[in-house]
PDB file of N, CA and C in Angstrom:
ATOM      1  N   LYS A   1     -71.626 -30.392   0.474  1.00  0.00           N
ATOM      2  CA  LYS A   1     -71.490 -31.234  -0.699  1.00  0.00           C
ATOM      3  C   LYS A   1     -70.259 -30.809  -1.491  1.00  0.00           C
ATOM      4  N   LYS A   2     -69.404 -31.788  -1.830  1.00  0.00           N
ATOM      5  CA  LYS A   2     -68.210 -31.512  -2.619  1.00  0.00           C
ATOM      6  C   LYS A   2     -68.567 -31.439  -4.090  1.00  0.00           C
ATOM      7  N   ILE A   3     -67.939 -30.504  -4.770  1.00  0.00           N
ATOM      8  CA  ILE A   3     -68.144 -30.376  -6.210  1.00  0.00           C
ATOM      9  C   ILE A   3     -66.999 -31.098  -6.910  1.00  0.00           C
ATOM     10  N   THR A   4     -67.341 -31.988  -7.821  1.00  0.00           N
ATOM     11  CA  THR A   4     -66.337 -32.708  -8.585  1.00  0.00           C
ATOM     12  C   THR A   4     -66.071 -31.959  -9.879  1.00  0.00           C
ATOM     13  N   MET A   5     -64.802 -31.745 -10.182  1.00  0.00           N
ATOM     14  CA  MET A   5     -64.420 -31.066 -11.417  1.00  0.00           C
ATOM     15  C   MET A   5     -64.318 -32.094 -12.533  1.00  0.00           C
ATOM     16  N   LYS A   6     -64.611 -31.687 -13.729  1.00  0.00           N
ATOM     17  CA  LYS A   6     -64.469 -32.563 -14.878  1.00  0.00           C
ATOM     18  C   LYS A   6     -63.482 -31.920 -15.840  1.00  0.00           C
ATOM     19  N   VAL A   7     -62.371 -32.597 -16.083  1.00  0.00           N
ATOM     20  CA  VAL A   7     -61.341 -32.104 -16.984  1.00  0.00           C
ATOM     21  C   VAL A   7     -61.050 -33.197 -18.001  1.00  0.00           C
ATOM     22  N   ASN A   8     -61.121 -32.841 -19.267  1.00  0.00           N
ATOM     23  CA  ASN A   8     -60.847 -33.798 -20.341  1.00  0.00           C
ATOM     24  C   ASN A   8     -61.770 -35.016 -20.240  1.00  0.00           C
ATOM     25  N   GLY A   9     -62.985 -34.794 -19.766  1.00  0.00           N
ATOM     26  CA  GLY A   9     -63.962 -35.872 -19.655  1.00  0.00           C
ATOM     27  C   GLY A   9     -63.774 -36.773 -18.449  1.00  0.00           C
ATOM     28  N   ILE A  10     -62.827 -36.434 -17.570  1.00  0.00           N
ATOM     29  CA  ILE A  10     -62.526 -37.260 -16.396  1.00  0.00           C
ATOM     30  C   ILE A  10     -62.920 -36.500 -15.137  1.00  0.00           C
ATOM     31  N   LYS A  11     -63.679 -37.162 -14.261  1.00  0.00           N
ATOM     32  CA  LYS A  11     -64.058 -36.541 -12.991  1.00  0.00           C
ATOM     33  C   LYS A  11     -62.847 -36.514 -12.070  1.00  0.00           C
ATOM     34  N   CYS A  12     -62.570 -35.356 -11.520  1.00  0.00           N
ATOM     35  CA  CYS A  12     -61.409 -35.157 -10.658  1.00  0.00           C
ATOM     36  C   CYS A  12     -61.877 -34.734  -9.272  1.00  0.00           C
ATOM     37  N   LYS A  13     -61.355 -35.413  -8.265  1.00  0.00           N
ATOM     38  CA  LYS A  13     -61.751 -35.102  -6.891  1.00  0.00           C
ATOM     39  C   LYS A  13     -60.907 -33.987  -6.285  1.00  0.00           C
ATOM     40  N   THR A  14     -59.697 -33.795  -6.817  1.00  0.00           N
ATOM     41  CA  THR A  14     -58.809 -32.767  -6.260  1.00  0.00           C
ATOM     42  C   THR A  14     -58.335 -31.828  -7.368  1.00  0.00           C
ATOM     43  N   GLN A  15     -57.894 -30.656  -6.957  1.00  0.00           N
ATOM     44  CA  GLN A  15     -57.337 -29.704  -7.917  1.00  0.00           C
ATOM     45  C   GLN A  15     -56.045 -30.250  -8.512  1.00  0.00           C
ATOM     46  N   GLU A  16     -55.277 -30.964  -7.714  1.00  0.00           N
ATOM     47  CA  GLU A  16     -54.036 -31.566  -8.199  1.00  0.00           C
ATOM     48  C   GLU A  16     -54.327 -32.549  -9.339  1.00  0.00           C
ATOM     49  N   GLN A  17     -55.307 -33.399  -9.143  1.00  0.00           N
ATOM     50  CA  GLN A  17     -55.694 -34.362 -10.177  1.00  0.00           C
ATOM     51  C   GLN A  17     -56.202 -33.636 -11.422  1.00  0.00           C
ATOM     52  N   ALA A  18     -56.967 -32.567 -11.228  1.00  0.00           N
ATOM     53  CA  ALA A  18     -57.519 -31.818 -12.357  1.00  0.00           C
ATOM     54  C   ALA A  18     -56.414 -31.147 -13.170  1.00  0.00           C
ATOM     55  N   VAL A  19     -55.403 -30.580 -12.503  1.00  0.00           N
ATOM     56  CA  VAL A  19     -54.280 -29.961 -13.215  1.00  0.00           C
ATOM     57  C   VAL A  19     -53.519 -31.030 -14.001  1.00  0.00           C
ATOM     58  N   LEU A  20     -53.285 -32.181 -13.386  1.00  0.00           N
ATOM     59  CA  LEU A  20     -52.585 -33.263 -14.080  1.00  0.00           C
ATOM     60  C   LEU A  20     -53.360 -33.718 -15.310  1.00  0.00           C
ATOM     61  N   GLU A  21     -54.656 -33.888 -15.184  1.00  0.00           N
ATOM     62  CA  GLU A  21     -55.471 -34.306 -16.329  1.00  0.00           C
ATOM     63  C   GLU A  21     -55.422 -33.258 -17.440  1.00  0.00           C
ATOM     64  N   TYR A  22     -55.422 -31.993 -17.070  1.00  0.00           N
ATOM     65  CA  TYR A  22     -55.316 -30.932 -18.067  1.00  0.00           C
ATOM     66  C   TYR A  22     -53.968 -31.021 -18.783  1.00  0.00           C
ATOM     67  N   LEU A  23     -52.883 -31.191 -18.023  1.00  0.00           N
ATOM     68  CA  LEU A  23     -51.556 -31.286 -18.628  1.00  0.00           C
ATOM     69  C   LEU A  23     -51.444 -32.499 -19.552  1.00  0.00           C
ATOM     70  N   LYS A  24     -52.145 -33.565 -19.231  1.00  0.00           N
ATOM     71  CA  LYS A  24     -52.108 -34.776 -20.064  1.00  0.00           C
ATOM     72  C   LYS A  24     -52.717 -34.547 -21.446  1.00  0.00           C
ATOM     73  N   THR A  25     -53.488 -33.489 -21.611  1.00  0.00           N
ATOM     74  CA  THR A  25     -54.059 -33.191 -22.932  1.00  0.00           C
ATOM     75  C   THR A  25     -52.989 -32.670 -23.887  1.00  0.00           C
ATOM     76  N   GLY A  26     -51.818 -32.318 -23.351  1.00  0.00           N
ATOM     77  CA  GLY A  26     -50.733 -31.790 -24.172  1.00  0.00           C
ATOM     78  C   GLY A  26     -50.715 -30.278 -24.243  1.00  0.00           C
ATOM     79  N   LYS A  27     -51.706 -29.648 -23.638  1.00  0.00           N
ATOM     80  CA  LYS A  27     -51.764 -28.184 -23.649  1.00  0.00           C
ATOM     81  C   LYS A  27     -51.004 -27.635 -22.439  1.00  0.00           C
ATOM     82  N   PRO A  28     -50.335 -26.499 -22.610  1.00  0.00           N
ATOM     83  CA  PRO A  28     -49.690 -25.870 -21.454  1.00  0.00           C
ATOM     84  C   PRO A  28     -50.747 -25.206 -20.565  1.00  0.00           C
ATOM     85  N   ILE A  29     -50.406 -25.045 -19.288  1.00  0.00           N
ATOM     86  CA  ILE A  29     -51.330 -24.404 -18.352  1.00  0.00           C
ATOM     87  C   ILE A  29     -50.639 -23.206 -17.703  1.00  0.00           C
ATOM     88  N   SER A  30     -51.398 -22.149 -17.536  1.00  0.00           N
ATOM     89  CA  SER A  30     -50.922 -20.947 -16.842  1.00  0.00           C
ATOM     90  C   SER A  30     -51.813 -20.733 -15.630  1.00  0.00           C
ATOM     91  N   GLN A  31     -51.470 -19.766 -14.804  1.00  0.00           N
ATOM     92  CA  GLN A  31     -52.291 -19.468 -13.637  1.00  0.00           C
ATOM     93  C   GLN A  31     -53.705 -19.077 -14.051  1.00  0.00           C
ATOM     94  N   ASP A  32     -53.842 -18.280 -15.109  1.00  0.00           N
ATOM     95  CA  ASP A  32     -55.174 -17.872 -15.584  1.00  0.00           C
ATOM     96  C   ASP A  32     -56.016 -19.075 -15.994  1.00  0.00           C
ATOM     97  N   ILE A  33     -55.419 -19.985 -16.760  1.00  0.00           N
ATOM     98  CA  ILE A  33     -56.138 -21.182 -17.205  1.00  0.00           C
ATOM     99  C   ILE A  33     -56.493 -22.050 -16.008  1.00  0.00           C
ATOM    100  N   ALA A  34     -55.548 -22.197 -15.074  1.00  0.00           N
ATOM    101  CA  ALA A  34     -55.796 -23.021 -13.888  1.00  0.00           C
ATOM    102  C   ALA A  34     -56.966 -22.476 -13.075  1.00  0.00           C
ATOM    103  N   TYR A  35     -57.044 -21.163 -12.955  1.00  0.00           N
ATOM    104  CA  TYR A  35     -58.146 -20.563 -12.201  1.00  0.00           C
ATOM    105  C   TYR A  35     -59.475 -20.787 -12.926  1.00  0.00           C
ATOM    106  N   GLU A  36     -59.455 -20.624 -14.242  1.00  0.00           N
ATOM    107  CA  GLU A  36     -60.681 -20.777 -15.031  1.00  0.00           C
ATOM    108  C   GLU A  36     -61.164 -22.229 -15.082  1.00  0.00           C
ATOM    109  N   VAL A  37     -60.255 -23.163 -15.312  1.00  0.00           N
ATOM    110  CA  VAL A  37     -60.631 -24.563 -15.518  1.00  0.00           C
ATOM    111  C   VAL A  37     -60.755 -25.327 -14.206  1.00  0.00           C
ATOM    112  N   VAL A  38     -59.825 -25.078 -13.283  1.00  0.00           N
ATOM    113  CA  VAL A  38     -59.750 -25.868 -12.051  1.00  0.00           C
ATOM    114  C   VAL A  38     -60.242 -25.103 -10.830  1.00  0.00           C
ATOM    115  N   GLY A  39     -60.117 -23.778 -10.869  1.00  0.00           N
ATOM    116  CA  GLY A  39     -60.549 -22.978  -9.734  1.00  0.00           C
ATOM    117  C   GLY A  39     -59.462 -22.767  -8.701  1.00  0.00           C
ATOM    118  N   THR A  40     -58.207 -23.031  -9.064  1.00  0.00           N
ATOM    119  CA  THR A  40     -57.125 -22.863  -8.097  1.00  0.00           C
ATOM    120  C   THR A  40     -56.360 -21.561  -8.330  1.00  0.00           C
ATOM    121  N   GLN A  41     -55.920 -20.988  -7.228  1.00  0.00           N
ATOM    122  CA  GLN A  41     -55.034 -19.830  -7.292  1.00  0.00           C
ATOM    123  C   GLN A  41     -53.642 -20.224  -6.821  1.00  0.00           C
ATOM    124  N   ARG A  42     -53.417 -21.537  -6.688  1.00  0.00           N
ATOM    125  CA  ARG A  42     -52.143 -22.052  -6.175  1.00  0.00           C
ATOM    126  C   ARG A  42     -51.497 -23.018  -7.167  1.00  0.00           C
ATOM    127  N   LEU A  43     -51.459 -22.625  -8.439  1.00  0.00           N
ATOM    128  CA  LEU A  43     -50.909 -23.504  -9.465  1.00  0.00           C
ATOM    129  C   LEU A  43     -49.455 -23.872  -9.171  1.00  0.00           C
ATOM    130  N   GLY A  44     -48.647 -22.924  -8.740  1.00  0.00           N
ATOM    131  CA  GLY A  44     -47.240 -23.208  -8.442  1.00  0.00           C
ATOM    132  C   GLY A  44     -47.086 -24.312  -7.406  1.00  0.00           C
ATOM    133  N   ALA A  45     -47.924 -24.305  -6.383  1.00  0.00           N
ATOM    134  CA  ALA A  45     -47.865 -25.338  -5.342  1.00  0.00           C
ATOM    135  C   ALA A  45     -48.274 -26.701  -5.902  1.00  0.00           C
ATOM    136  N   ILE A  46     -49.267 -26.720  -6.776  1.00  0.00           N
ATOM    137  CA  ILE A  46     -49.710 -27.981  -7.376  1.00  0.00           C
ATOM    138  C   ILE A  46     -48.619 -28.529  -8.293  1.00  0.00           C
ATOM    139  N   ILE A  47     -47.982 -27.670  -9.083  1.00  0.00           N
ATOM    140  CA  ILE A  47     -46.885 -28.099  -9.960  1.00  0.00           C
ATOM    141  C   ILE A  47     -45.751 -28.675  -9.120  1.00  0.00           C
ATOM    142  N   TRP A  48     -45.434 -28.031  -8.011  1.00  0.00           N
ATOM    143  CA  TRP A  48     -44.379 -28.506  -7.103  1.00  0.00           C
ATOM    144  C   TRP A  48     -44.701 -29.914  -6.605  1.00  0.00           C
ATOM    145  N   LYS A  49     -45.947 -30.145  -6.197  1.00  0.00           N
ATOM    146  CA  LYS A  49     -46.356 -31.471  -5.713  1.00  0.00           C
ATOM    147  C   LYS A  49     -46.249 -32.516  -6.813  1.00  0.00           C
ATOM    148  N   LEU A  50     -46.705 -32.164  -8.012  1.00  0.00           N
ATOM    149  CA  LEU A  50     -46.642 -33.113  -9.131  1.00  0.00           C
ATOM    150  C   LEU A  50     -45.196 -33.452  -9.484  1.00  0.00           C
ATOM    151  N   ARG A  51     -44.328 -32.463  -9.473  1.00  0.00           N
ATOM    152  CA  ARG A  51     -42.912 -32.721  -9.737  1.00  0.00           C
ATOM    153  C   ARG A  51     -42.320 -33.646  -8.680  1.00  0.00           C
ATOM    154  N   ASN A  52     -42.700 -33.441  -7.424  1.00  0.00           N
ATOM    155  CA  ASN A  52     -42.201 -34.308  -6.344  1.00  0.00           C
ATOM    156  C   ASN A  52     -42.718 -35.733  -6.468  1.00  0.00           C
ATOM    157  N   ARG A  53     -43.840 -35.915  -7.135  1.00  0.00           N
ATOM    158  CA  ARG A  53     -44.372 -37.261  -7.381  1.00  0.00           C
ATOM    159  C   ARG A  53     -43.693 -37.922  -8.576  1.00  0.00           C
ATOM    160  N   GLY A  54     -42.831 -37.176  -9.292  1.00  0.00           N
ATOM    161  CA  GLY A  54     -42.071 -37.753 -10.391  1.00  0.00           C
ATOM    162  C   GLY A  54     -42.459 -37.271 -11.774  1.00  0.00           C
ATOM    163  N   TYR A  55     -43.445 -36.392 -11.876  1.00  0.00           N
ATOM    164  CA  TYR A  55     -43.857 -35.887 -13.183  1.00  0.00           C
ATOM    165  C   TYR A  55     -42.861 -34.845 -13.676  1.00  0.00           C
ATOM    166  N   ASP A  56     -42.466 -34.973 -14.950  1.00  0.00           N
ATOM    167  CA  ASP A  56     -41.524 -34.032 -15.562  1.00  0.00           C
ATOM    168  C   ASP A  56     -42.327 -32.893 -16.183  1.00  0.00           C
ATOM    169  N   ILE A  57     -42.338 -31.768 -15.505  1.00  0.00           N
ATOM    170  CA  ILE A  57     -43.115 -30.604 -15.954  1.00  0.00           C
ATOM    171  C   ILE A  57     -42.151 -29.453 -16.216  1.00  0.00           C
ATOM    172  N   SER A  58     -42.131 -28.983 -17.478  1.00  0.00           N
ATOM    173  CA  SER A  58     -41.250 -27.866 -17.820  1.00  0.00           C
ATOM    174  C   SER A  58     -41.940 -26.543 -17.612  1.00  0.00           C
ATOM    175  N   SER A  59     -41.132 -25.545 -17.333  1.00  0.00           N
ATOM    176  CA  SER A  59     -41.613 -24.176 -17.161  1.00  0.00           C
ATOM    177  C   SER A  59     -41.175 -23.360 -18.367  1.00  0.00           C
ATOM    178  N   ILE A  60     -42.091 -22.613 -18.923  1.00  0.00           N
ATOM    179  CA  ILE A  60     -41.787 -21.753 -20.055  1.00  0.00           C
ATOM    180  C   ILE A  60     -42.122 -20.324 -19.636  1.00  0.00           C
ATOM    181  N   ASN A  61     -41.104 -19.477 -19.572  1.00  0.00           N
ATOM    182  CA  ASN A  61     -41.343 -18.070 -19.224  1.00  0.00           C
ATOM    183  C   ASN A  61     -41.935 -17.363 -20.433  1.00  0.00           C
ATOM    184  N   SER A  62     -43.045 -16.686 -20.222  1.00  0.00           N
ATOM    185  CA  SER A  62     -43.758 -16.027 -21.314  1.00  0.00           C
ATOM    186  C   SER A  62     -44.037 -14.571 -20.959  1.00  0.00           C
ATOM    187  N   LYS A  63     -44.350 -13.812 -21.993  1.00  0.00           N
ATOM    188  CA  LYS A  63     -44.714 -12.400 -21.805  1.00  0.00           C
ATOM    189  C   LYS A  63     -46.066 -12.171 -22.460  1.00  0.00           C
ATOM    190  N   GLY A  64     -46.814 -11.276 -21.895  1.00  0.00           N
ATOM    191  CA  GLY A  64     -48.119 -10.943 -22.447  1.00  0.00           C
ATOM    192  C   GLY A  64     -48.612  -9.638 -21.848  1.00  0.00           C
ATOM    193  N   LYS A  65     -49.890  -9.407 -21.978  1.00  0.00           N
ATOM    194  CA  LYS A  65     -50.521  -8.197 -21.426  1.00  0.00           C
ATOM    195  C   LYS A  65     -51.585  -8.632 -20.423  1.00  0.00           C
ATOM    196  N   ASN A  66     -51.725  -7.857 -19.357  1.00  0.00           N
ATOM    197  CA  ASN A  66     -52.796  -8.134 -18.406  1.00  0.00           C
ATOM    198  C   ASN A  66     -54.081  -7.451 -18.880  1.00  0.00           C
ATOM    199  N   ARG A  67     -55.123  -7.555 -18.093  1.00  0.00           N
ATOM    200  CA  ARG A  67     -56.418  -6.990 -18.512  1.00  0.00           C
ATOM    201  C   ARG A  67     -56.421  -5.471 -18.624  1.00  0.00           C
ATOM    202  N   PHE A  68     -55.380  -4.830 -18.080  1.00  0.00           N
ATOM    203  CA  PHE A  68     -55.269  -3.368 -18.168  1.00  0.00           C
ATOM    204  C   PHE A  68     -54.352  -2.944 -19.315  1.00  0.00           C
ATOM    205  N   GLY A  69     -53.817  -3.926 -20.054  1.00  0.00           N
ATOM    206  CA  GLY A  69     -52.943  -3.632 -21.173  1.00  0.00           C
ATOM    207  C   GLY A  69     -51.481  -3.462 -20.808  1.00  0.00           C
ATOM    208  N   ASN A  70     -51.143  -3.734 -19.540  1.00  0.00           N
ATOM    209  CA  ASN A  70     -49.749  -3.622 -19.108  1.00  0.00           C
ATOM    210  C   ASN A  70     -48.975  -4.881 -19.470  1.00  0.00           C
ATOM    211  N   ASN A  71     -47.687  -4.724 -19.766  1.00  0.00           N
ATOM    212  CA  ASN A  71     -46.836  -5.871 -20.037  1.00  0.00           C
ATOM    213  C   ASN A  71     -46.631  -6.666 -18.752  1.00  0.00           C
ATOM    214  N   VAL A  72     -46.729  -8.000 -18.855  1.00  0.00           N
ATOM    215  CA  VAL A  72     -46.531  -8.871 -17.696  1.00  0.00           C
ATOM    216  C   VAL A  72     -45.730 -10.099 -18.117  1.00  0.00           C
ATOM    217  N   ASN A  73     -45.048 -10.682 -17.153  1.00  0.00           N
ATOM    218  CA  ASN A  73     -44.356 -11.957 -17.328  1.00  0.00           C
ATOM    219  C   ASN A  73     -45.159 -13.017 -16.596  1.00  0.00           C
ATOM    220  N   PHE A  74     -45.238 -14.200 -17.171  1.00  0.00           N
ATOM    221  CA  PHE A  74     -45.932 -15.300 -16.508  1.00  0.00           C
ATOM    222  C   PHE A  74     -45.314 -16.608 -16.946  1.00  0.00           C
ATOM    223  N   CYS A  75     -45.690 -17.672 -16.284  1.00  0.00           N
ATOM    224  CA  CYS A  75     -45.114 -18.980 -16.544  1.00  0.00           C
ATOM    225  C   CYS A  75     -46.169 -19.909 -17.131  1.00  0.00           C
ATOM    226  N   LEU A  76     -45.790 -20.642 -18.161  1.00  0.00           N
ATOM    227  CA  LEU A  76     -46.620 -21.712 -18.708  1.00  0.00           C
ATOM    228  C   LEU A  76     -45.960 -23.027 -18.312  1.00  0.00           C
ATOM    229  N   TYR A  77     -46.745 -23.989 -17.892  1.00  0.00           N
ATOM    230  CA  TYR A  77     -46.215 -25.297 -17.512  1.00  0.00           C
ATOM    231  C   TYR A  77     -46.677 -26.322 -18.531  1.00  0.00           C
ATOM    232  N   HIS A  78     -45.769 -27.246 -18.875  1.00  0.00           N
ATOM    233  CA  HIS A  78     -46.053 -28.249 -19.899  1.00  0.00           C
ATOM    234  C   HIS A  78     -45.542 -29.599 -19.408  1.00  0.00           C
ATOM    235  N   LEU A  79     -46.335 -30.642 -19.588  1.00  0.00           N
ATOM    236  CA  LEU A  79     -45.934 -31.993 -19.206  1.00  0.00           C
ATOM    237  C   LEU A  79     -44.997 -32.532 -20.270  1.00  0.00           C
ATOM    238  N   SER A  80     -43.759 -32.842 -19.900  1.00  0.00           N
ATOM    239  CA  SER A  80     -42.726 -33.277 -20.849  1.00  0.00           C
ATOM    240  C   SER A  80     -42.463 -34.770 -20.703  1.00  0.00           C
ATOM    241  N   MET A  81     -43.502 -35.571 -20.883  1.00  0.00           N
ATOM    242  CA  MET A  81     -43.372 -37.017 -20.705  1.00  0.00           C
ATOM    243  C   MET A  81     -44.203 -37.757 -21.750  1.00  0.00           C
ATOM    244  N   THR A  82     -43.786 -38.981 -22.034  1.00  0.00           N
ATOM    245  CA  THR A  82     -44.586 -39.828 -22.921  1.00  0.00           C
ATOM    246  C   THR A  82     -45.698 -40.481 -22.102  1.00  0.00           C
ATOM    247  N   GLN A  83     -46.687 -41.007 -22.794  1.00  0.00           N
ATOM    248  CA  GLN A  83     -47.778 -41.702 -22.105  1.00  0.00           C
ATOM    249  C   GLN A  83     -47.239 -42.895 -21.313  1.00  0.00           C
ATOM    250  N   GLU A  84     -46.249 -43.572 -21.840  1.00  0.00           N
ATOM    251  CA  GLU A  84     -45.649 -44.725 -21.146  1.00  0.00           C
ATOM    252  C   GLU A  84     -44.985 -44.287 -19.839  1.00  0.00           C
ATOM    253  N   GLN A  85     -44.261 -43.177 -19.866  1.00  0.00           N
ATOM    254  CA  GLN A  85     -43.629 -42.662 -18.651  1.00  0.00           C
ATOM    255  C   GLN A  85     -44.681 -42.280 -17.616  1.00  0.00           C
ATOM    256  N   ILE A  86     -45.775 -41.692 -18.066  1.00  0.00           N
ATOM    257  CA  ILE A  86     -46.859 -41.316 -17.151  1.00  0.00           C
ATOM    258  C   ILE A  86     -47.459 -42.560 -16.511  1.00  0.00           C
ATOM    259  N   ARG A  87     -47.709 -43.579 -17.337  1.00  0.00           N
ATOM    260  CA  ARG A  87     -48.288 -44.836 -16.814  1.00  0.00           C
ATOM    261  C   ARG A  87     -47.395 -45.469 -15.744  1.00  0.00           C
ATOM    262  N   ARG A  88     -46.069 -45.422 -15.973  1.00  0.00           N
ATOM    263  CA  ARG A  88     -45.144 -45.994 -14.995  1.00  0.00           C
ATOM    264  C   ARG A  88     -45.271 -45.304 -13.639  1.00  0.00           C
ATOM    265  N   ILE A  89     -45.361 -43.985 -13.631  1.00  0.00           N
ATOM    266  CA  ILE A  89     -45.504 -43.230 -12.374  1.00  0.00           C
ATOM    267  C   ILE A  89     -46.831 -43.588 -11.706  1.00  0.00           C
ATOM    268  N   GLU A  90     -47.885 -43.658 -12.491  1.00  0.00           N
ATOM    269  CA  GLU A  90     -49.212 -43.901 -11.927  1.00  0.00           C
ATOM    270  C   GLU A  90     -49.384 -45.326 -11.424  1.00  0.00           C
ATOM    271  N   ASN A  91     -48.555 -46.243 -11.897  1.00  0.00           N
ATOM    272  CA  ASN A  91     -48.663 -47.639 -11.455  1.00  0.00           C
ATOM    273  C   ASN A  91     -47.697 -47.989 -10.344  1.00  0.00           C
ATOM    274  N   GLU A  92     -46.916 -47.025  -9.873  1.00  0.00           N
ATOM    275  CA  GLU A  92     -45.976 -47.279  -8.770  1.00  0.00           C
ATOM    276  C   GLU A  92     -46.698 -47.436  -7.463  1.00  0.00           C
TER     277      GLU A  92
END
């Protein structure tokens, strides 16, 4: 039995769809958030696919601490498009 993810109140059949729905909320997504919300450990691959489909997704290099308190660098991804631009891609 397949488990359907629900992101932003929308049932998503794939991790790619779930990441896109999360980005549509206007919030940035990181690998940690993607694992927690979507269950994927391949966020970079999903972002690559979405970009190839025409979605404008910016990368923001960030710094923080890991669970051991060590300094780490990570990437936040943000959807840089208007709702109209998104609709155009989805209706192609």
